[in-house]
Amino acid sequence: MIKVYGIKTCGSVKKALKLLNECGVEYEFVDFKKEPVGCDKIDSWLKKVSIDKLFNTKGTKYRQLKLKELNLDENGKREWLCKENLLIKRPVIELDNGEVIVGFDEELYKKEFCDA
């Protein structure tokens, strides 16, 4: 079963879950606010996707923390992802085959989950 990571109030997560439900996909939802992920999980994702794909520079948390001013390198971004899960671009979907999809892409989701 796939795992979907995010927060319930996120627009992209809502769209993703709606599409998964419409396509009859079974999934387990992990809410970052209730079950934060640690560095081990983030490191496993970073083996499959780039830090720039995983690190959300468009979110409220990024602006609140004024991280743009810090001009973070990859290691700095990783450290922030570990301690502040709301900086992770959402949703993160772990597929059964070990692949990871980050963010909501309707066409990709339909191809991956609905056309199978």
N, C-alpha and C. Protein backbone atom coordinates (compact mmCIF):
# COMPACT_ATOMS: atom_id res chain seq x y z
N MET A 1 0.85 -1.18 0.00
CA MET A 1 0.00 0.00 0.00
C MET A 1 0.89 1.24 0.00
N ILE A 2 0.49 2.25 -0.77
CA ILE A 2 1.29 3.47 -0.82
C ILE A 2 1.06 4.29 0.44
N LYS A 3 2.04 5.15 0.72
CA LYS A 3 1.93 6.06 1.86
C LYS A 3 1.95 7.48 1.32
N VAL A 4 1.03 8.28 1.84
CA VAL A 4 0.96 9.69 1.46
C VAL A 4 1.29 10.51 2.70
N TYR A 5 2.31 11.36 2.58
CA TYR A 5 2.74 12.23 3.68
C TYR A 5 2.33 13.66 3.37
N GLY A 6 1.81 14.36 4.39
CA GLY A 6 1.43 15.75 4.21
C GLY A 6 0.67 16.26 5.41
N ILE A 7 -0.12 17.30 5.19
CA ILE A 7 -1.00 17.80 6.24
C ILE A 7 -2.40 17.95 5.63
N LYS A 8 -3.40 17.72 6.45
CA LYS A 8 -4.80 17.70 5.97
C LYS A 8 -5.25 19.03 5.37
N THR A 9 -4.69 20.14 5.85
CA THR A 9 -5.15 21.45 5.41
C THR A 9 -4.48 21.94 4.13
N CYS A 10 -3.49 21.23 3.63
CA CYS A 10 -2.74 21.65 2.44
C CYS A 10 -3.57 21.42 1.18
N GLY A 11 -3.68 22.44 0.34
CA GLY A 11 -4.44 22.34 -0.89
C GLY A 11 -3.95 21.24 -1.82
N SER A 12 -2.64 21.11 -1.97
CA SER A 12 -2.07 20.07 -2.84
C SER A 12 -2.36 18.67 -2.30
N VAL A 13 -2.31 18.52 -0.99
CA VAL A 13 -2.62 17.23 -0.37
C VAL A 13 -4.09 16.89 -0.58
N LYS A 14 -4.96 17.88 -0.41
CA LYS A 14 -6.40 17.65 -0.62
C LYS A 14 -6.67 17.18 -2.05
N LYS A 15 -6.03 17.84 -3.03
CA LYS A 15 -6.21 17.45 -4.43
C LYS A 15 -5.71 16.03 -4.67
N ALA A 16 -4.55 15.73 -4.09
CA ALA A 16 -3.97 14.40 -4.27
C ALA A 16 -4.86 13.31 -3.69
N LEU A 17 -5.35 13.51 -2.47
CA LEU A 17 -6.19 12.51 -1.82
C LEU A 17 -7.51 12.34 -2.57
N LYS A 18 -8.06 13.45 -3.06
CA LYS A 18 -9.30 13.38 -3.82
C LYS A 18 -9.10 12.51 -5.07
N LEU A 19 -8.01 12.75 -5.79
CA LEU A 19 -7.74 11.98 -7.00
C LEU A 19 -7.50 10.50 -6.68
N LEU A 20 -6.74 10.24 -5.63
CA LEU A 20 -6.49 8.85 -5.23
C LEU A 20 -7.80 8.15 -4.88
N ASN A 21 -8.67 8.85 -4.17
CA ASN A 21 -9.97 8.28 -3.81
C ASN A 21 -10.82 8.01 -5.05
N GLU A 22 -10.83 8.97 -5.97
CA GLU A 22 -11.61 8.81 -7.20
C GLU A 22 -11.13 7.62 -8.03
N CYS A 23 -9.82 7.34 -7.96
CA CYS A 23 -9.25 6.24 -8.73
C CYS A 23 -9.24 4.93 -7.95
N GLY A 24 -9.78 4.95 -6.73
CA GLY A 24 -9.89 3.74 -5.93
C GLY A 24 -8.57 3.21 -5.41
N VAL A 25 -7.63 4.10 -5.18
CA VAL A 25 -6.31 3.71 -4.69
C VAL A 25 -6.33 3.64 -3.16
N GLU A 26 -5.86 2.53 -2.62
CA GLU A 26 -5.72 2.41 -1.17
C GLU A 26 -4.41 3.06 -0.76
N TYR A 27 -4.47 3.81 0.32
CA TYR A 27 -3.26 4.48 0.80
C TYR A 27 -3.34 4.66 2.31
N GLU A 28 -2.17 4.88 2.87
CA GLU A 28 -2.08 5.23 4.29
C GLU A 28 -1.65 6.69 4.33
N PHE A 29 -2.37 7.52 5.10
CA PHE A 29 -2.02 8.93 5.21
C PHE A 29 -1.23 9.18 6.49
N VAL A 30 -0.12 9.88 6.35
CA VAL A 30 0.71 10.25 7.50
C VAL A 30 0.72 11.77 7.58
N ASP A 31 0.17 12.29 8.68
CA ASP A 31 0.07 13.74 8.89
C ASP A 31 1.32 14.23 9.62
N PHE A 32 2.08 15.12 8.96
CA PHE A 32 3.31 15.65 9.55
C PHE A 32 3.07 16.30 10.90
N LYS A 33 1.89 16.88 11.09
CA LYS A 33 1.62 17.57 12.36
C LYS A 33 1.44 16.58 13.50
N LYS A 34 0.94 15.38 13.20
CA LYS A 34 0.71 14.37 14.24
C LYS A 34 1.85 13.37 14.35
N GLU A 35 2.48 13.07 13.23
CA GLU A 35 3.58 12.10 13.20
C GLU A 35 4.74 12.67 12.41
N PRO A 36 5.53 13.54 13.01
CA PRO A 36 6.66 14.11 12.28
C PRO A 36 7.62 13.03 11.80
N VAL A 37 8.19 13.25 10.61
CA VAL A 37 9.19 12.32 10.11
C VAL A 37 10.57 12.84 10.51
N GLY A 38 11.47 11.92 10.75
CA GLY A 38 12.82 12.29 11.17
C GLY A 38 13.80 12.31 10.02
N CYS A 39 15.05 12.52 10.38
CA CYS A 39 16.12 12.61 9.38
C CYS A 39 16.29 11.32 8.59
N ASP A 40 16.06 10.17 9.22
CA ASP A 40 16.20 8.90 8.50
C ASP A 40 15.26 8.84 7.31
N LYS A 41 14.01 9.22 7.52
CA LYS A 41 13.01 9.20 6.44
C LYS A 41 13.38 10.23 5.37
N ILE A 42 13.76 11.41 5.80
CA ILE A 42 14.15 12.46 4.86
C ILE A 42 15.35 12.02 4.04
N ASP A 43 16.33 11.40 4.69
CA ASP A 43 17.51 10.92 3.97
C ASP A 43 17.13 9.84 2.94
N SER A 44 16.18 8.99 3.29
CA SER A 44 15.75 7.95 2.34
C SER A 44 15.08 8.60 1.12
N TRP A 45 14.31 9.67 1.35
CA TRP A 45 13.69 10.38 0.23
C TRP A 45 14.75 11.08 -0.62
N LEU A 46 15.77 11.63 0.04
CA LEU A 46 16.81 12.38 -0.69
C LEU A 46 17.67 11.47 -1.55
N LYS A 47 17.62 10.18 -1.33
CA LYS A 47 18.32 9.23 -2.22
C LYS A 47 17.55 9.09 -3.54
N LYS A 48 16.28 9.51 -3.54
CA LYS A 48 15.41 9.32 -4.71
C LYS A 48 15.01 10.61 -5.40
N VAL A 49 15.00 11.72 -4.65
CA VAL A 49 14.66 13.03 -5.22
C VAL A 49 15.67 14.07 -4.73
N SER A 50 15.81 15.15 -5.47
CA SER A 50 16.77 16.19 -5.09
C SER A 50 16.25 17.01 -3.90
N ILE A 51 17.18 17.61 -3.21
CA ILE A 51 16.82 18.46 -2.07
C ILE A 51 15.94 19.62 -2.54
N ASP A 52 16.21 20.13 -3.73
CA ASP A 52 15.43 21.27 -4.23
C ASP A 52 14.00 20.87 -4.56
N LYS A 53 13.77 19.61 -4.89
CA LYS A 53 12.42 19.11 -5.15
C LYS A 53 11.67 18.95 -3.82
N LEU A 54 12.38 18.49 -2.79
CA LEU A 54 11.76 18.19 -1.49
C LEU A 54 11.57 19.44 -0.62
N PHE A 55 12.45 20.41 -0.76
CA PHE A 55 12.45 21.59 0.10
C PHE A 55 11.50 22.64 -0.48
N ASN A 56 10.47 23.00 0.28
CA ASN A 56 9.43 23.91 -0.20
C ASN A 56 9.80 25.36 0.10
N THR A 57 10.15 26.08 -0.96
CA THR A 57 10.50 27.50 -0.79
C THR A 57 9.30 28.42 -1.03
N LYS A 58 8.14 27.85 -1.32
CA LYS A 58 6.96 28.67 -1.61
C LYS A 58 5.96 28.70 -0.44
N GLY A 59 6.22 27.95 0.59
CA GLY A 59 5.25 27.84 1.68
C GLY A 59 5.35 28.94 2.73
N THR A 60 4.33 28.98 3.54
CA THR A 60 4.25 29.97 4.62
C THR A 60 5.39 29.79 5.62
N LYS A 61 5.67 28.55 5.98
CA LYS A 61 6.70 28.28 6.99
C LYS A 61 8.06 28.82 6.54
N TYR A 62 8.39 28.66 5.27
CA TYR A 62 9.65 29.15 4.71
C TYR A 62 9.75 30.67 4.89
N ARG A 63 8.64 31.36 4.61
CA ARG A 63 8.63 32.82 4.76
C ARG A 63 8.68 33.22 6.23
N GLN A 64 7.92 32.51 7.08
CA GLN A 64 7.89 32.84 8.51
C GLN A 64 9.29 32.72 9.13
N LEU A 65 10.01 31.70 8.73
CA LEU A 65 11.35 31.46 9.30
C LEU A 65 12.44 32.32 8.64
N LYS A 66 12.04 33.07 7.59
CA LYS A 66 12.98 33.95 6.87
C LYS A 66 14.22 33.17 6.38
N LEU A 67 13.97 31.97 5.84
CA LEU A 67 15.09 31.12 5.42
C LEU A 67 15.76 31.61 4.15
N LYS A 68 15.06 32.38 3.35
CA LYS A 68 15.68 32.90 2.13
C LYS A 68 16.92 33.72 2.47
N GLU A 69 16.83 34.46 3.57
CA GLU A 69 17.93 35.33 3.99
C GLU A 69 19.17 34.52 4.40
N LEU A 70 18.97 33.25 4.77
CA LEU A 70 20.09 32.43 5.22
C LEU A 70 20.89 31.83 4.07
N ASN A 71 20.31 31.86 2.84
CA ASN A 71 21.00 31.33 1.67
C ASN A 71 21.57 29.93 1.96
N LEU A 72 20.71 29.00 2.31
CA LEU A 72 21.11 27.67 2.76
C LEU A 72 21.73 26.81 1.66
N ASP A 73 22.74 26.05 2.03
CA ASP A 73 23.28 25.05 1.11
C ASP A 73 22.47 23.76 1.30
N GLU A 74 22.84 22.70 0.57
CA GLU A 74 22.07 21.45 0.65
C GLU A 74 22.02 20.90 2.07
N ASN A 75 23.14 20.94 2.77
CA ASN A 75 23.18 20.41 4.13
C ASN A 75 22.30 21.24 5.07
N GLY A 76 22.32 22.55 4.89
CA GLY A 76 21.48 23.43 5.70
C GLY A 76 20.01 23.17 5.45
N LYS A 77 19.65 22.96 4.19
CA LYS A 77 18.25 22.65 3.85
C LYS A 77 17.83 21.33 4.49
N ARG A 78 18.71 20.32 4.42
CA ARG A 78 18.42 19.01 5.01
C ARG A 78 18.17 19.15 6.51
N GLU A 79 19.03 19.91 7.18
CA GLU A 79 18.87 20.10 8.63
C GLU A 79 17.52 20.75 8.95
N TRP A 80 17.13 21.73 8.17
CA TRP A 80 15.83 22.39 8.39
C TRP A 80 14.68 21.43 8.13
N LEU A 81 14.78 20.60 7.09
CA LEU A 81 13.72 19.62 6.82
C LEU A 81 13.55 18.67 7.99
N CYS A 82 14.66 18.28 8.60
CA CYS A 82 14.61 17.35 9.74
C CYS A 82 13.90 17.96 10.93
N LYS A 83 14.15 19.24 11.19
CA LYS A 83 13.56 19.82 12.40
C LYS A 83 12.23 20.53 12.14
N GLU A 84 11.90 20.79 10.88
CA GLU A 84 10.65 21.48 10.57
C GLU A 84 9.99 20.84 9.35
N ASN A 85 9.17 19.81 9.61
CA ASN A 85 8.54 19.04 8.53
C ASN A 85 7.65 19.87 7.62
N LEU A 86 7.16 21.00 8.09
CA LEU A 86 6.29 21.81 7.24
C LEU A 86 7.06 22.48 6.10
N LEU A 87 8.38 22.32 6.08
CA LEU A 87 9.19 22.81 4.96
C LEU A 87 9.26 21.78 3.83
N ILE A 88 8.71 20.59 4.06
CA ILE A 88 8.72 19.55 3.04
C ILE A 88 7.61 19.83 2.03
N LYS A 89 7.97 19.82 0.74
CA LYS A 89 6.95 20.02 -0.29
C LYS A 89 5.97 18.86 -0.22
N ARG A 90 4.68 19.20 -0.34
CA ARG A 90 3.65 18.19 -0.14
C ARG A 90 2.81 18.00 -1.38
N PRO A 91 2.20 16.83 -1.47
CA PRO A 91 2.43 15.63 -0.65
C PRO A 91 3.70 14.90 -1.09
N VAL A 92 4.16 14.02 -0.23
CA VAL A 92 5.22 13.07 -0.58
C VAL A 92 4.53 11.71 -0.62
N ILE A 93 4.66 11.02 -1.74
CA ILE A 93 4.03 9.71 -1.87
C ILE A 93 5.10 8.66 -2.07
N GLU A 94 5.07 7.67 -1.18
CA GLU A 94 5.98 6.52 -1.30
C GLU A 94 5.20 5.40 -2.00
N LEU A 95 5.70 4.99 -3.16
CA LEU A 95 5.06 3.92 -3.91
C LEU A 95 5.53 2.56 -3.40
N ASP A 96 4.77 1.53 -3.75
CA ASP A 96 5.13 0.17 -3.33
C ASP A 96 6.50 -0.26 -3.85
N ASN A 97 6.89 0.27 -5.01
CA ASN A 97 8.17 -0.12 -5.61
C ASN A 97 9.35 0.67 -5.06
N GLY A 98 9.09 1.52 -4.06
CA GLY A 98 10.17 2.28 -3.43
C GLY A 98 10.37 3.67 -4.01
N GLU A 99 9.73 3.96 -5.13
CA GLU A 99 9.87 5.29 -5.71
C GLU A 99 9.14 6.32 -4.86
N VAL A 100 9.51 7.58 -5.07
CA VAL A 100 8.92 8.68 -4.31
C VAL A 100 8.45 9.76 -5.30
N ILE A 101 7.22 10.22 -5.10
CA ILE A 101 6.68 11.33 -5.88
C ILE A 101 6.48 12.50 -4.93
N VAL A 102 6.99 13.68 -5.31
CA VAL A 102 6.88 14.86 -4.46
C VAL A 102 6.04 15.92 -5.18
N GLY A 103 5.07 16.47 -4.46
CA GLY A 103 4.22 17.51 -5.02
C GLY A 103 3.04 16.93 -5.77
N PHE A 104 2.08 17.79 -6.09
CA PHE A 104 0.89 17.34 -6.81
C PHE A 104 1.04 17.65 -8.30
N ASP A 105 0.95 16.62 -9.12
CA ASP A 105 1.00 16.75 -10.58
C ASP A 105 -0.15 15.88 -11.11
N GLU A 106 -1.25 16.54 -11.47
CA GLU A 106 -2.47 15.81 -11.83
C GLU A 106 -2.24 14.80 -12.95
N GLU A 107 -1.52 15.20 -13.99
CA GLU A 107 -1.29 14.29 -15.13
C GLU A 107 -0.48 13.07 -14.70
N LEU A 108 0.58 13.31 -13.94
CA LEU A 108 1.41 12.20 -13.45
C LEU A 108 0.59 11.27 -12.56
N TYR A 109 -0.21 11.84 -11.67
CA TYR A 109 -1.03 11.03 -10.77
C TYR A 109 -2.01 10.16 -11.55
N LYS A 110 -2.68 10.78 -12.56
CA LYS A 110 -3.65 10.02 -13.34
C LYS A 110 -2.96 8.86 -14.05
N LYS A 111 -1.79 9.13 -14.61
CA LYS A 111 -1.03 8.10 -15.32
C LYS A 111 -0.60 7.00 -14.35
N GLU A 112 -0.12 7.40 -13.20
CA GLU A 112 0.43 6.45 -12.21
C GLU A 112 -0.67 5.65 -11.49
N PHE A 113 -1.75 6.33 -11.13
CA PHE A 113 -2.73 5.71 -10.24
C PHE A 113 -4.07 5.34 -10.89
N CYS A 114 -4.44 6.01 -11.97
CA CYS A 114 -5.77 5.79 -12.54
C CYS A 114 -5.76 4.92 -13.79
N ASP A 115 -4.67 4.99 -14.55
CA ASP A 115 -4.61 4.26 -15.82
C ASP A 115 -4.11 2.84 -15.67
N ALA A 116 -3.68 2.50 -14.46
CA ALA A 116 -3.08 1.16 -14.26
C ALA A 116 -4.11 0.06 -14.40
